[in-house]
Amino acid sequence: MGFRPGMSSAQTISTLMRFNGIVSYIARNIFQKEPEYIGSAHARKLCGVKLVRTAIGGPQKEQVFSHMETNDLKYVVWPQTKTGKVVPWSRDACDAYVIARAASIAGPIGPPVKKAKKPKKVT
């Protein structure tokens, strides 16, 4: 999957995993707490981003950027290239914003809460 068009390369995924590991290790040592992780799909849902199939709506990063550009980040003036297009890294910055925004919306995630079982009826 890492070599299909529109997907991250294996090297990119490996670099991101190492970076995430280092940041998690440092955060764990500084705050003496286990880091809480938010998946991108959950973060997008919390931020109100509705994605359509890639064939219809284009790449997911573009859909997220378009949604956030017209909502939360409408006052952000993105740097542009010499040709007048928004710089490519703006999509990554927008993804990072979505994760941070979702964390502020969700608050502490904590362990999953199990529902209490109904007591059995005694006959």
PDB file of N, CA and C in Angstrom:
ATOM      1  N   MET A   1       0.806  -1.196   0.000  1.00  0.00           N
ATOM      2  CA  MET A   1       0.000   0.000   0.000  1.00  0.00           C
ATOM      3  C   MET A   1       0.850   1.262   0.000  1.00  0.00           C
ATOM      4  N   GLY A   2       2.006   1.197   0.555  1.00  0.00           N
ATOM      5  CA  GLY A   2       2.851   2.370   0.650  1.00  0.00           C
ATOM      6  C   GLY A   2       3.376   2.852  -0.681  1.00  0.00           C
ATOM      7  N   PHE A   3       3.173   2.091  -1.732  1.00  0.00           N
ATOM      8  CA  PHE A   3       3.724   2.469  -3.020  1.00  0.00           C
ATOM      9  C   PHE A   3       2.642   2.778  -4.041  1.00  0.00           C
ATOM     10  N   ARG A   4       1.380   2.815  -3.620  1.00  0.00           N
ATOM     11  CA  ARG A   4       0.297   3.195  -4.518  1.00  0.00           C
ATOM     12  C   ARG A   4       0.270   4.708  -4.637  1.00  0.00           C
ATOM     13  N   PRO A   5      -0.237   5.219  -5.762  1.00  0.00           N
ATOM     14  CA  PRO A   5      -0.330   6.677  -5.907  1.00  0.00           C
ATOM     15  C   PRO A   5      -1.189   7.287  -4.796  1.00  0.00           C
ATOM     16  N   GLY A   6      -0.728   8.395  -4.247  1.00  0.00           N
ATOM     17  CA  GLY A   6      -1.477   9.076  -3.193  1.00  0.00           C
ATOM     18  C   GLY A   6      -1.205   8.539  -1.799  1.00  0.00           C
ATOM     19  N   MET A   7      -0.447   7.482  -1.682  1.00  0.00           N
ATOM     20  CA  MET A   7      -0.136   6.908  -0.375  1.00  0.00           C
ATOM     21  C   MET A   7       1.278   7.323   0.035  1.00  0.00           C
ATOM     22  N   SER A   8       1.538   7.295   1.327  1.00  0.00           N
ATOM     23  CA  SER A   8       2.870   7.618   1.825  1.00  0.00           C
ATOM     24  C   SER A   8       3.830   6.482   1.495  1.00  0.00           C
ATOM     25  N   SER A   9       5.071   6.834   1.280  1.00  0.00           N
ATOM     26  CA  SER A   9       6.074   5.815   1.006  1.00  0.00           C
ATOM     27  C   SER A   9       6.456   5.110   2.299  1.00  0.00           C
ATOM     28  N   ALA A  10       7.068   3.937   2.167  1.00  0.00           N
ATOM     29  CA  ALA A  10       7.501   3.180   3.338  1.00  0.00           C
ATOM     30  C   ALA A  10       8.505   3.998   4.158  1.00  0.00           C
ATOM     31  N   GLN A  11       9.361   4.760   3.483  1.00  0.00           N
ATOM     32  CA  GLN A  11      10.353   5.576   4.184  1.00  0.00           C
ATOM     33  C   GLN A  11       9.665   6.680   4.994  1.00  0.00           C
ATOM     34  N   THR A  12       8.652   7.298   4.428  1.00  0.00           N
ATOM     35  CA  THR A  12       7.915   8.347   5.136  1.00  0.00           C
ATOM     36  C   THR A  12       7.230   7.777   6.366  1.00  0.00           C
ATOM     37  N   ILE A  13       6.581   6.635   6.211  1.00  0.00           N
ATOM     38  CA  ILE A  13       5.883   6.003   7.331  1.00  0.00           C
ATOM     39  C   ILE A  13       6.877   5.639   8.428  1.00  0.00           C
ATOM     40  N   SER A  14       8.033   5.098   8.041  1.00  0.00           N
ATOM     41  CA  SER A  14       9.063   4.732   9.009  1.00  0.00           C
ATOM     42  C   SER A  14       9.566   5.963   9.765  1.00  0.00           C
ATOM     43  N   THR A  15       9.793   7.055   9.059  1.00  0.00           N
ATOM     44  CA  THR A  15      10.263   8.289   9.697  1.00  0.00           C
ATOM     45  C   THR A  15       9.224   8.825  10.675  1.00  0.00           C
ATOM     46  N   LEU A  16       7.951   8.813  10.259  1.00  0.00           N
ATOM     47  CA  LEU A  16       6.887   9.291  11.144  1.00  0.00           C
ATOM     48  C   LEU A  16       6.754   8.419  12.389  1.00  0.00           C
ATOM     49  N   MET A  17       6.906   7.109  12.235  1.00  0.00           N
ATOM     50  CA  MET A  17       6.824   6.207  13.390  1.00  0.00           C
ATOM     51  C   MET A  17       7.957   6.475  14.374  1.00  0.00           C
ATOM     52  N   ARG A  18       9.164   6.692  13.849  1.00  0.00           N
ATOM     53  CA  ARG A  18      10.294   6.985  14.731  1.00  0.00           C
ATOM     54  C   ARG A  18      10.084   8.313  15.454  1.00  0.00           C
ATOM     55  N   PHE A  19       9.643   9.323  14.717  1.00  0.00           N
ATOM     56  CA  PHE A  19       9.400  10.635  15.313  1.00  0.00           C
ATOM     57  C   PHE A  19       8.329  10.540  16.396  1.00  0.00           C
ATOM     58  N   ASN A  20       7.238   9.837  16.101  1.00  0.00           N
ATOM     59  CA  ASN A  20       6.165   9.669  17.074  1.00  0.00           C
ATOM     60  C   ASN A  20       6.677   8.944  18.322  1.00  0.00           C
ATOM     61  N   GLY A  21       7.517   7.950  18.133  1.00  0.00           N
ATOM     62  CA  GLY A  21       8.097   7.227  19.261  1.00  0.00           C
ATOM     63  C   GLY A  21       8.958   8.124  20.137  1.00  0.00           C
ATOM     64  N   ILE A  22       9.766   8.956  19.507  1.00  0.00           N
ATOM     65  CA  ILE A  22      10.642   9.865  20.260  1.00  0.00           C
ATOM     66  C   ILE A  22       9.813  10.886  21.035  1.00  0.00           C
ATOM     67  N   VAL A  23       8.828  11.486  20.372  1.00  0.00           N
ATOM     68  CA  VAL A  23       7.982  12.482  21.029  1.00  0.00           C
ATOM     69  C   VAL A  23       7.210  11.842  22.181  1.00  0.00           C
ATOM     70  N   SER A  24       6.694  10.630  21.972  1.00  0.00           N
ATOM     71  CA  SER A  24       5.961   9.930  23.030  1.00  0.00           C
ATOM     72  C   SER A  24       6.867   9.643  24.223  1.00  0.00           C
ATOM     73  N   TYR A  25       8.096   9.213  23.955  1.00  0.00           N
ATOM     74  CA  TYR A  25       9.061   8.914  25.012  1.00  0.00           C
ATOM     75  C   TYR A  25       9.361  10.171  25.835  1.00  0.00           C
ATOM     76  N   ILE A  26       9.622  11.291  25.143  1.00  0.00           N
ATOM     77  CA  ILE A  26       9.939  12.543  25.836  1.00  0.00           C
ATOM     78  C   ILE A  26       8.731  13.015  26.659  1.00  0.00           C
ATOM     79  N   ALA A  27       7.544  12.960  26.060  1.00  0.00           N
ATOM     80  CA  ALA A  27       6.334  13.401  26.774  1.00  0.00           C
ATOM     81  C   ALA A  27       6.082  12.532  28.005  1.00  0.00           C
ATOM     82  N   ARG A  28       6.296  11.223  27.862  1.00  0.00           N
ATOM     83  CA  ARG A  28       6.104  10.289  28.981  1.00  0.00           C
ATOM     84  C   ARG A  28       7.058  10.634  30.120  1.00  0.00           C
ATOM     85  N   ASN A  29       8.305  10.961  29.794  1.00  0.00           N
ATOM     86  CA  ASN A  29       9.294  11.284  30.827  1.00  0.00           C
ATOM     87  C   ASN A  29       9.027  12.637  31.484  1.00  0.00           C
ATOM     88  N   ILE A  30       8.614  13.612  30.708  1.00  0.00           N
ATOM     89  CA  ILE A  30       8.392  14.949  31.259  1.00  0.00           C
ATOM     90  C   ILE A  30       7.123  14.999  32.108  1.00  0.00           C
ATOM     91  N   PHE A  31       6.026  14.452  31.593  1.00  0.00           N
ATOM     92  CA  PHE A  31       4.733  14.579  32.261  1.00  0.00           C
ATOM     93  C   PHE A  31       4.377  13.387  33.143  1.00  0.00           C
ATOM     94  N   GLN A  32       5.188  12.329  33.090  1.00  0.00           N
ATOM     95  CA  GLN A  32       4.941  11.125  33.888  1.00  0.00           C
ATOM     96  C   GLN A  32       3.536  10.556  33.634  1.00  0.00           C
ATOM     97  N   LYS A  33       3.098  10.643  32.399  1.00  0.00           N
ATOM     98  CA  LYS A  33       1.791  10.108  31.996  1.00  0.00           C
ATOM     99  C   LYS A  33       1.941   9.403  30.659  1.00  0.00           C
ATOM    100  N   GLU A  34       1.088   8.434  30.448  1.00  0.00           N
ATOM    101  CA  GLU A  34       1.093   7.717  29.179  1.00  0.00           C
ATOM    102  C   GLU A  34       0.413   8.590  28.116  1.00  0.00           C
ATOM    103  N   PRO A  35       1.050   8.812  26.971  1.00  0.00           N
ATOM    104  CA  PRO A  35       0.426   9.626  25.918  1.00  0.00           C
ATOM    105  C   PRO A  35      -0.872   8.988  25.415  1.00  0.00           C
ATOM    106  N   GLU A  36      -1.806   9.823  25.025  1.00  0.00           N
ATOM    107  CA  GLU A  36      -3.064   9.355  24.444  1.00  0.00           C
ATOM    108  C   GLU A  36      -3.024   9.664  22.956  1.00  0.00           C
ATOM    109  N   TYR A  37      -3.404   8.717  22.152  1.00  0.00           N
ATOM    110  CA  TYR A  37      -3.316   8.856  20.705  1.00  0.00           C
ATOM    111  C   TYR A  37      -4.709   8.994  20.099  1.00  0.00           C
ATOM    112  N   ILE A  38      -4.803   9.839  19.085  1.00  0.00           N
ATOM    113  CA  ILE A  38      -6.065  10.052  18.387  1.00  0.00           C
ATOM    114  C   ILE A  38      -5.851   9.668  16.928  1.00  0.00           C
ATOM    115  N   GLY A  39      -6.687   8.803  16.421  1.00  0.00           N
ATOM    116  CA  GLY A  39      -6.613   8.415  15.015  1.00  0.00           C
ATOM    117  C   GLY A  39      -7.110   9.534  14.121  1.00  0.00           C
ATOM    118  N   SER A  40      -6.600   9.572  12.900  1.00  0.00           N
ATOM    119  CA  SER A  40      -6.975  10.659  11.992  1.00  0.00           C
ATOM    120  C   SER A  40      -8.458  10.639  11.648  1.00  0.00           C
ATOM    121  N   ALA A  41      -9.045   9.464  11.452  1.00  0.00           N
ATOM    122  CA  ALA A  41     -10.465   9.381  11.108  1.00  0.00           C
ATOM    123  C   ALA A  41     -11.330   9.917  12.256  1.00  0.00           C
ATOM    124  N   HIS A  42     -10.974   9.570  13.485  1.00  0.00           N
ATOM    125  CA  HIS A  42     -11.722  10.054  14.661  1.00  0.00           C
ATOM    126  C   HIS A  42     -11.561  11.567  14.809  1.00  0.00           C
ATOM    127  N   ALA A  43     -10.346  12.056  14.596  1.00  0.00           N
ATOM    128  CA  ALA A  43     -10.087  13.497  14.707  1.00  0.00           C
ATOM    129  C   ALA A  43     -10.896  14.265  13.675  1.00  0.00           C
ATOM    130  N   ARG A  44     -10.926  13.765  12.447  1.00  0.00           N
ATOM    131  CA  ARG A  44     -11.687  14.448  11.397  1.00  0.00           C
ATOM    132  C   ARG A  44     -13.173  14.478  11.736  1.00  0.00           C
ATOM    133  N   LYS A  45     -13.672  13.375  12.289  1.00  0.00           N
ATOM    134  CA  LYS A  45     -15.083  13.301  12.661  1.00  0.00           C
ATOM    135  C   LYS A  45     -15.389  14.327  13.755  1.00  0.00           C
ATOM    136  N   LEU A  46     -14.524  14.417  14.766  1.00  0.00           N
ATOM    137  CA  LEU A  46     -14.731  15.385  15.846  1.00  0.00           C
ATOM    138  C   LEU A  46     -14.733  16.822  15.335  1.00  0.00           C
ATOM    139  N   CYS A  47     -13.940  17.082  14.294  1.00  0.00           N
ATOM    140  CA  CYS A  47     -13.852  18.433  13.732  1.00  0.00           C
ATOM    141  C   CYS A  47     -14.927  18.710  12.683  1.00  0.00           C
ATOM    142  N   GLY A  48     -15.775  17.721  12.420  1.00  0.00           N
ATOM    143  CA  GLY A  48     -16.880  17.925  11.485  1.00  0.00           C
ATOM    144  C   GLY A  48     -16.521  17.787  10.022  1.00  0.00           C
ATOM    145  N   VAL A  49     -15.387  17.179   9.734  1.00  0.00           N
ATOM    146  CA  VAL A  49     -14.973  16.982   8.342  1.00  0.00           C
ATOM    147  C   VAL A  49     -15.662  15.746   7.797  1.00  0.00           C
ATOM    148  N   LYS A  50     -16.401  15.920   6.721  1.00  0.00           N
ATOM    149  CA  LYS A  50     -17.067  14.792   6.077  1.00  0.00           C
ATOM    150  C   LYS A  50     -16.336  14.504   4.779  1.00  0.00           C
ATOM    151  N   LEU A  51     -15.789  13.300   4.675  1.00  0.00           N
ATOM    152  CA  LEU A  51     -15.041  12.917   3.482  1.00  0.00           C
ATOM    153  C   LEU A  51     -15.919  12.116   2.534  1.00  0.00           C
ATOM    154  N   VAL A  52     -15.687  12.307   1.250  1.00  0.00           N
ATOM    155  CA  VAL A  52     -16.330  11.475   0.243  1.00  0.00           C
ATOM    156  C   VAL A  52     -15.246  10.617  -0.397  1.00  0.00           C
ATOM    157  N   ARG A  53     -15.670   9.628  -1.146  1.00  0.00           N
ATOM    158  CA  ARG A  53     -14.687   8.741  -1.776  1.00  0.00           C
ATOM    159  C   ARG A  53     -13.664   9.554  -2.558  1.00  0.00           C
ATOM    160  N   THR A  54     -12.436   9.077  -2.554  1.00  0.00           N
ATOM    161  CA  THR A  54     -11.338   9.785  -3.208  1.00  0.00           C
ATOM    162  C   THR A  54     -11.621   9.996  -4.691  1.00  0.00           C
ATOM    163  N   ALA A  55     -12.261   9.008  -5.342  1.00  0.00           N
ATOM    164  CA  ALA A  55     -12.546   9.128  -6.777  1.00  0.00           C
ATOM    165  C   ALA A  55     -13.478  10.300  -7.058  1.00  0.00           C
ATOM    166  N   ILE A  56     -14.324  10.646  -6.110  1.00  0.00           N
ATOM    167  CA  ILE A  56     -15.301  11.727  -6.306  1.00  0.00           C
ATOM    168  C   ILE A  56     -14.759  13.059  -5.780  1.00  0.00           C
ATOM    169  N   GLY A  57     -14.258  13.040  -4.547  1.00  0.00           N
ATOM    170  CA  GLY A  57     -13.872  14.295  -3.888  1.00  0.00           C
ATOM    171  C   GLY A  57     -12.406  14.636  -3.936  1.00  0.00           C
ATOM    172  N   GLY A  58     -11.588  13.789  -4.506  1.00  0.00           N
ATOM    173  CA  GLY A  58     -10.159  14.044  -4.539  1.00  0.00           C
ATOM    174  C   GLY A  58      -9.477  13.468  -3.309  1.00  0.00           C
ATOM    175  N   PRO A  59      -8.158  13.645  -3.203  1.00  0.00           N
ATOM    176  CA  PRO A  59      -7.414  13.097  -2.061  1.00  0.00           C
ATOM    177  C   PRO A  59      -7.952  13.587  -0.720  1.00  0.00           C
ATOM    178  N   GLN A  60      -7.855  12.735   0.290  1.00  0.00           N
ATOM    179  CA  GLN A  60      -8.391  13.082   1.608  1.00  0.00           C
ATOM    180  C   GLN A  60      -7.745  14.338   2.172  1.00  0.00           C
ATOM    181  N   LYS A  61      -6.435  14.488   1.994  1.00  0.00           N
ATOM    182  CA  LYS A  61      -5.763  15.687   2.516  1.00  0.00           C
ATOM    183  C   LYS A  61      -6.344  16.949   1.889  1.00  0.00           C
ATOM    184  N   GLU A  62      -6.670  16.881   0.608  1.00  0.00           N
ATOM    185  CA  GLU A  62      -7.254  18.041  -0.067  1.00  0.00           C
ATOM    186  C   GLU A  62      -8.651  18.338   0.469  1.00  0.00           C
ATOM    187  N   GLN A  63      -9.427  17.279   0.723  1.00  0.00           N
ATOM    188  CA  GLN A  63     -10.777  17.465   1.261  1.00  0.00           C
ATOM    189  C   GLN A  63     -10.728  18.088   2.656  1.00  0.00           C
ATOM    190  N   VAL A  64      -9.799  17.594   3.482  1.00  0.00           N
ATOM    191  CA  VAL A  64      -9.646  18.135   4.837  1.00  0.00           C
ATOM    192  C   VAL A  64      -9.210  19.591   4.761  1.00  0.00           C
ATOM    193  N   PHE A  65      -8.238  19.874   3.896  1.00  0.00           N
ATOM    194  CA  PHE A  65      -7.747  21.243   3.756  1.00  0.00           C
ATOM    195  C   PHE A  65      -8.869  22.178   3.307  1.00  0.00           C
ATOM    196  N   SER A  66      -9.651  21.754   2.318  1.00  0.00           N
ATOM    197  CA  SER A  66     -10.755  22.587   1.822  1.00  0.00           C
ATOM    198  C   SER A  66     -11.773  22.860   2.925  1.00  0.00           C
ATOM    199  N   HIS A  67     -12.112  21.821   3.695  1.00  0.00           N
ATOM    200  CA  HIS A  67     -13.086  22.006   4.773  1.00  0.00           C
ATOM    201  C   HIS A  67     -12.560  22.974   5.829  1.00  0.00           C
ATOM    202  N   MET A  68     -11.334  22.751   6.270  1.00  0.00           N
ATOM    203  CA  MET A  68     -10.778  23.586   7.333  1.00  0.00           C
ATOM    204  C   MET A  68     -10.512  25.006   6.839  1.00  0.00           C
ATOM    205  N   GLU A  69     -10.157  25.135   5.564  1.00  0.00           N
ATOM    206  CA  GLU A  69      -9.882  26.456   4.997  1.00  0.00           C
ATOM    207  C   GLU A  69     -11.150  27.316   4.954  1.00  0.00           C
ATOM    208  N   THR A  70     -12.297  26.680   4.802  1.00  0.00           N
ATOM    209  CA  THR A  70     -13.547  27.443   4.766  1.00  0.00           C
ATOM    210  C   THR A  70     -14.217  27.549   6.137  1.00  0.00           C
ATOM    211  N   ASN A  71     -13.690  26.845   7.142  1.00  0.00           N
ATOM    212  CA  ASN A  71     -14.292  26.879   8.475  1.00  0.00           C
ATOM    213  C   ASN A  71     -13.299  27.412   9.502  1.00  0.00           C
ATOM    214  N   ASP A  72     -12.647  26.523  10.222  1.00  0.00           N
ATOM    215  CA  ASP A  72     -11.759  26.924  11.322  1.00  0.00           C
ATOM    216  C   ASP A  72     -10.617  27.840  10.887  1.00  0.00           C
ATOM    217  N   LEU A  73     -10.049  27.560   9.733  1.00  0.00           N
ATOM    218  CA  LEU A  73      -8.837  28.270   9.314  1.00  0.00           C
ATOM    219  C   LEU A  73      -9.107  29.293   8.215  1.00  0.00           C
ATOM    220  N   LYS A  74     -10.321  29.852   8.190  1.00  0.00           N
ATOM    221  CA  LYS A  74     -10.664  30.765   7.095  1.00  0.00           C
ATOM    222  C   LYS A  74      -9.884  32.079   7.149  1.00  0.00           C
ATOM    223  N   TYR A  75      -9.345  32.435   8.292  1.00  0.00           N
ATOM    224  CA  TYR A  75      -8.593  33.679   8.387  1.00  0.00           C
ATOM    225  C   TYR A  75      -7.083  33.474   8.251  1.00  0.00           C
ATOM    226  N   VAL A  76      -6.666  32.239   8.034  1.00  0.00           N
ATOM    227  CA  VAL A  76      -5.239  31.961   7.864  1.00  0.00           C
ATOM    228  C   VAL A  76      -4.832  32.333   6.443  1.00  0.00           C
ATOM    229  N   VAL A  77      -3.781  33.099   6.326  1.00  0.00           N
ATOM    230  CA  VAL A  77      -3.239  33.442   5.017  1.00  0.00           C
ATOM    231  C   VAL A  77      -2.069  32.496   4.767  1.00  0.00           C
ATOM    232  N   TRP A  78      -2.283  31.526   3.885  1.00  0.00           N
ATOM    233  CA  TRP A  78      -1.262  30.518   3.622  1.00  0.00           C
ATOM    234  C   TRP A  78      -0.203  31.078   2.684  1.00  0.00           C
ATOM    235  N   PRO A  79       1.071  30.777   2.941  1.00  0.00           N
ATOM    236  CA  PRO A  79       2.125  31.200   2.010  1.00  0.00           C
ATOM    237  C   PRO A  79       1.891  30.571   0.638  1.00  0.00           C
ATOM    238  N   GLN A  80       2.363  31.247  -0.391  1.00  0.00           N
ATOM    239  CA  GLN A  80       2.174  30.740  -1.744  1.00  0.00           C
ATOM    240  C   GLN A  80       3.505  30.552  -2.445  1.00  0.00           C
ATOM    241  N   THR A  81       3.472  29.654  -3.428  1.00  0.00           N
ATOM    242  CA  THR A  81       4.657  29.431  -4.250  1.00  0.00           C
ATOM    243  C   THR A  81       4.758  30.559  -5.273  1.00  0.00           C
ATOM    244  N   LYS A  82       5.803  30.551  -6.072  1.00  0.00           N
ATOM    245  CA  LYS A  82       5.986  31.583  -7.095  1.00  0.00           C
ATOM    246  C   LYS A  82       4.873  31.538  -8.132  1.00  0.00           C
ATOM    247  N   THR A  83       4.263  30.366  -8.299  1.00  0.00           N
ATOM    248  CA  THR A  83       3.189  30.227  -9.291  1.00  0.00           C
ATOM    249  C   THR A  83       1.826  30.608  -8.722  1.00  0.00           C
ATOM    250  N   GLY A  84       1.762  30.977  -7.439  1.00  0.00           N
ATOM    251  CA  GLY A  84       0.514  31.419  -6.835  1.00  0.00           C
ATOM    252  C   GLY A  84      -0.294  30.326  -6.171  1.00  0.00           C
ATOM    253  N   LYS A  85       0.245  29.108  -6.095  1.00  0.00           N
ATOM    254  CA  LYS A  85      -0.458  28.014  -5.425  1.00  0.00           C
ATOM    255  C   LYS A  85      -0.070  27.997  -3.952  1.00  0.00           C
ATOM    256  N   VAL A  86      -0.984  27.513  -3.108  1.00  0.00           N
ATOM    257  CA  VAL A  86      -0.693  27.388  -1.683  1.00  0.00           C
ATOM    258  C   VAL A  86       0.427  26.367  -1.509  1.00  0.00           C
ATOM    259  N   VAL A  87       1.384  26.653  -0.624  1.00  0.00           N
ATOM    260  CA  VAL A  87       2.543  25.770  -0.447  1.00  0.00           C
ATOM    261  C   VAL A  87       2.101  24.349  -0.093  1.00  0.00           C
ATOM    262  N   PRO A  88       2.800  23.330  -0.602  1.00  0.00           N
ATOM    263  CA  PRO A  88       2.386  21.939  -0.379  1.00  0.00           C
ATOM    264  C   PRO A  88       2.327  21.524   1.090  1.00  0.00           C
ATOM    265  N   TRP A  89       3.202  22.048   1.935  1.00  0.00           N
ATOM    266  CA  TRP A  89       3.214  21.619   3.342  1.00  0.00           C
ATOM    267  C   TRP A  89       1.995  22.121   4.111  1.00  0.00           C
ATOM    268  N   SER A  90       1.199  23.001   3.513  1.00  0.00           N
ATOM    269  CA  SER A  90       0.016  23.516   4.197  1.00  0.00           C
ATOM    270  C   SER A  90      -0.970  22.391   4.522  1.00  0.00           C
ATOM    271  N   ARG A  91      -1.011  21.340   3.687  1.00  0.00           N
ATOM    272  CA  ARG A  91      -1.913  20.213   3.935  1.00  0.00           C
ATOM    273  C   ARG A  91      -1.484  19.457   5.190  1.00  0.00           C
ATOM    274  N   ASP A  92      -0.175  19.299   5.369  1.00  0.00           N
ATOM    275  CA  ASP A  92       0.344  18.622   6.562  1.00  0.00           C
ATOM    276  C   ASP A  92       0.088  19.472   7.813  1.00  0.00           C
ATOM    277  N   ALA A  93       0.269  20.778   7.691  1.00  0.00           N
ATOM    278  CA  ALA A  93       0.000  21.673   8.820  1.00  0.00           C
ATOM    279  C   ALA A  93      -1.479  21.621   9.190  1.00  0.00           C
ATOM    280  N   CYS A  94      -2.341  21.542   8.197  1.00  0.00           N
ATOM    281  CA  CYS A  94      -3.777  21.456   8.436  1.00  0.00           C
ATOM    282  C   CYS A  94      -4.122  20.137   9.137  1.00  0.00           C
ATOM    283  N   ASP A  95      -3.499  19.035   8.716  1.00  0.00           N
ATOM    284  CA  ASP A  95      -3.713  17.738   9.374  1.00  0.00           C
ATOM    285  C   ASP A  95      -3.298  17.807  10.845  1.00  0.00           C
ATOM    286  N   ALA A  96      -2.163  18.454  11.117  1.00  0.00           N
ATOM    287  CA  ALA A  96      -1.700  18.593  12.501  1.00  0.00           C
ATOM    288  C   ALA A  96      -2.693  19.420  13.312  1.00  0.00           C
ATOM    289  N   TYR A  97      -3.240  20.460  12.695  1.00  0.00           N
ATOM    290  CA  TYR A  97      -4.243  21.282  13.377  1.00  0.00           C
ATOM    291  C   TYR A  97      -5.476  20.448  13.714  1.00  0.00           C
ATOM    292  N   VAL A  98      -5.914  19.596  12.780  1.00  0.00           N
ATOM    293  CA  VAL A  98      -7.104  18.775  13.008  1.00  0.00           C
ATOM    294  C   VAL A  98      -6.894  17.859  14.212  1.00  0.00           C
ATOM    295  N   ILE A  99      -5.717  17.253  14.328  1.00  0.00           N
ATOM    296  CA  ILE A  99      -5.432  16.378  15.471  1.00  0.00           C
ATOM    297  C   ILE A  99      -5.449  17.182  16.772  1.00  0.00           C
ATOM    298  N   ALA A 100      -4.797  18.349  16.776  1.00  0.00           N
ATOM    299  CA  ALA A 100      -4.763  19.182  17.982  1.00  0.00           C
ATOM    300  C   ALA A 100      -6.156  19.687  18.343  1.00  0.00           C
ATOM    301  N   ARG A 101      -6.928  20.079  17.354  1.00  0.00           N
ATOM    302  CA  ARG A 101      -8.301  20.563  17.591  1.00  0.00           C
ATOM    303  C   ARG A 101      -9.170  19.448  18.154  1.00  0.00           C
ATOM    304  N   ALA A 102      -9.020  18.248  17.612  1.00  0.00           N
ATOM    305  CA  ALA A 102      -9.796  17.108  18.106  1.00  0.00           C
ATOM    306  C   ALA A 102      -9.444  16.809  19.556  1.00  0.00           C
ATOM    307  N   ALA A 103      -8.168  16.917  19.898  1.00  0.00           N
ATOM    308  CA  ALA A 103      -7.754  16.677  21.285  1.00  0.00           C
ATOM    309  C   ALA A 103      -8.385  17.709  22.218  1.00  0.00           C
ATOM    310  N   SER A 104      -8.490  18.954  21.763  1.00  0.00           N
ATOM    311  CA  SER A 104      -9.104  19.978  22.614  1.00  0.00           C
ATOM    312  C   SER A 104     -10.615  19.770  22.736  1.00  0.00           C
ATOM    313  N   ILE A 105     -11.233  19.212  21.706  1.00  0.00           N
ATOM    314  CA  ILE A 105     -12.668  18.939  21.748  1.00  0.00           C
ATOM    315  C   ILE A 105     -12.951  17.739  22.645  1.00  0.00           C
ATOM    316  N   ALA A 106     -12.176  16.671  22.470  1.00  0.00           N
ATOM    317  CA  ALA A 106     -12.425  15.414  23.178  1.00  0.00           C
ATOM    318  C   ALA A 106     -12.006  15.474  24.639  1.00  0.00           C
ATOM    319  N   GLY A 107     -10.991  16.261  24.942  1.00  0.00           N
ATOM    320  CA  GLY A 107     -10.474  16.283  26.302  1.00  0.00           C
ATOM    321  C   GLY A 107      -9.730  14.982  26.594  1.00  0.00           C
ATOM    322  N   PRO A 108      -9.456  14.706  27.859  1.00  0.00           N
ATOM    323  CA  PRO A 108      -8.757  13.466  28.184  1.00  0.00           C
ATOM    324  C   PRO A 108      -9.565  12.256  27.708  1.00  0.00           C
ATOM    325  N   ILE A 109      -8.885  11.353  27.036  1.00  0.00           N
ATOM    326  CA  ILE A 109      -9.568  10.186  26.477  1.00  0.00           C
ATOM    327  C   ILE A 109      -9.788   9.128  27.551  1.00  0.00           C
ATOM    328  N   GLY A 110      -8.748   8.790  28.284  1.00  0.00           N
ATOM    329  CA  GLY A 110      -8.874   7.817  29.370  1.00  0.00           C
ATOM    330  C   GLY A 110      -9.164   6.411  28.874  1.00  0.00           C
ATOM    331  N   PRO A 111      -9.194   5.463  29.807  1.00  0.00           N
ATOM    332  CA  PRO A 111      -9.451   4.073  29.419  1.00  0.00           C
ATOM    333  C   PRO A 111     -10.916   3.891  29.024  1.00  0.00           C
ATOM    334  N   PRO A 112     -11.195   2.909  28.153  1.00  0.00           N
ATOM    335  CA  PRO A 112     -12.590   2.678  27.772  1.00  0.00           C
ATOM    336  C   PRO A 112     -13.421   2.246  28.976  1.00  0.00           C
ATOM    337  N   VAL A 113     -14.637   2.734  29.029  1.00  0.00           N
ATOM    338  CA  VAL A 113     -15.536   2.414  30.136  1.00  0.00           C
ATOM    339  C   VAL A 113     -16.402   1.231  29.722  1.00  0.00           C
ATOM    340  N   LYS A 114     -16.393   0.192  30.556  1.00  0.00           N
ATOM    341  CA  LYS A 114     -17.210  -0.982  30.266  1.00  0.00           C
ATOM    342  C   LYS A 114     -18.591  -0.793  30.873  1.00  0.00           C
ATOM    343  N   LYS A 115     -19.600  -1.175  30.097  1.00  0.00           N
ATOM    344  CA  LYS A 115     -20.964  -1.096  30.603  1.00  0.00           C
ATOM    345  C   LYS A 115     -21.199  -2.216  31.607  1.00  0.00           C
ATOM    346  N   ALA A 116     -21.925  -1.902  32.645  1.00  0.00           N
ATOM    347  CA  ALA A 116     -22.239  -2.908  33.654  1.00  0.00           C
ATOM    348  C   ALA A 116     -23.213  -3.931  33.065  1.00  0.00           C
ATOM    349  N   LYS A 117     -22.994  -5.183  33.382  1.00  0.00           N
ATOM    350  CA  LYS A 117     -23.888  -6.233  32.909  1.00  0.00           C
ATOM    351  C   LYS A 117     -25.168  -6.214  33.718  1.00  0.00           C
ATOM    352  N   LYS A 118     -26.271  -6.536  33.043  1.00  0.00           N
ATOM    353  CA  LYS A 118     -27.546  -6.618  33.736  1.00  0.00           C
ATOM    354  C   LYS A 118     -27.535  -7.860  34.626  1.00  0.00           C
ATOM    355  N   PRO A 119     -28.053  -7.729  35.834  1.00  0.00           N
ATOM    356  CA  PRO A 119     -28.085  -8.903  36.703  1.00  0.00           C
ATOM    357  C   PRO A 119     -29.026  -9.955  36.153  1.00  0.00           C
ATOM    358  N   LYS A 120     -28.668 -11.213  36.378  1.00  0.00           N
ATOM    359  CA  LYS A 120     -29.502 -12.310  35.908  1.00  0.00           C
ATOM    360  C   LYS A 120     -30.730 -12.415  36.781  1.00  0.00           C
ATOM    361  N   LYS A 121     -31.843 -12.717  36.133  1.00  0.00           N
ATOM    362  CA  LYS A 121     -33.080 -12.894  36.886  1.00  0.00           C
ATOM    363  C   LYS A 121     -33.063 -14.250  37.574  1.00  0.00           C
ATOM    364  N   VAL A 122     -33.419 -14.232  38.832  1.00  0.00           N
ATOM    365  CA  VAL A 122     -33.473 -15.475  39.603  1.00  0.00           C
ATOM    366  C   VAL A 122     -34.919 -15.920  39.618  1.00  0.00           C
ATOM    367  N   THR A 123     -35.136 -17.145  39.193  1.00  0.00           N
ATOM    368  CA  THR A 123     -36.506 -17.671  39.200  1.00  0.00           C
ATOM    369  C   THR A 123     -36.699 -18.707  40.260  1.00  0.00           C
TER     370      THR A 123
END
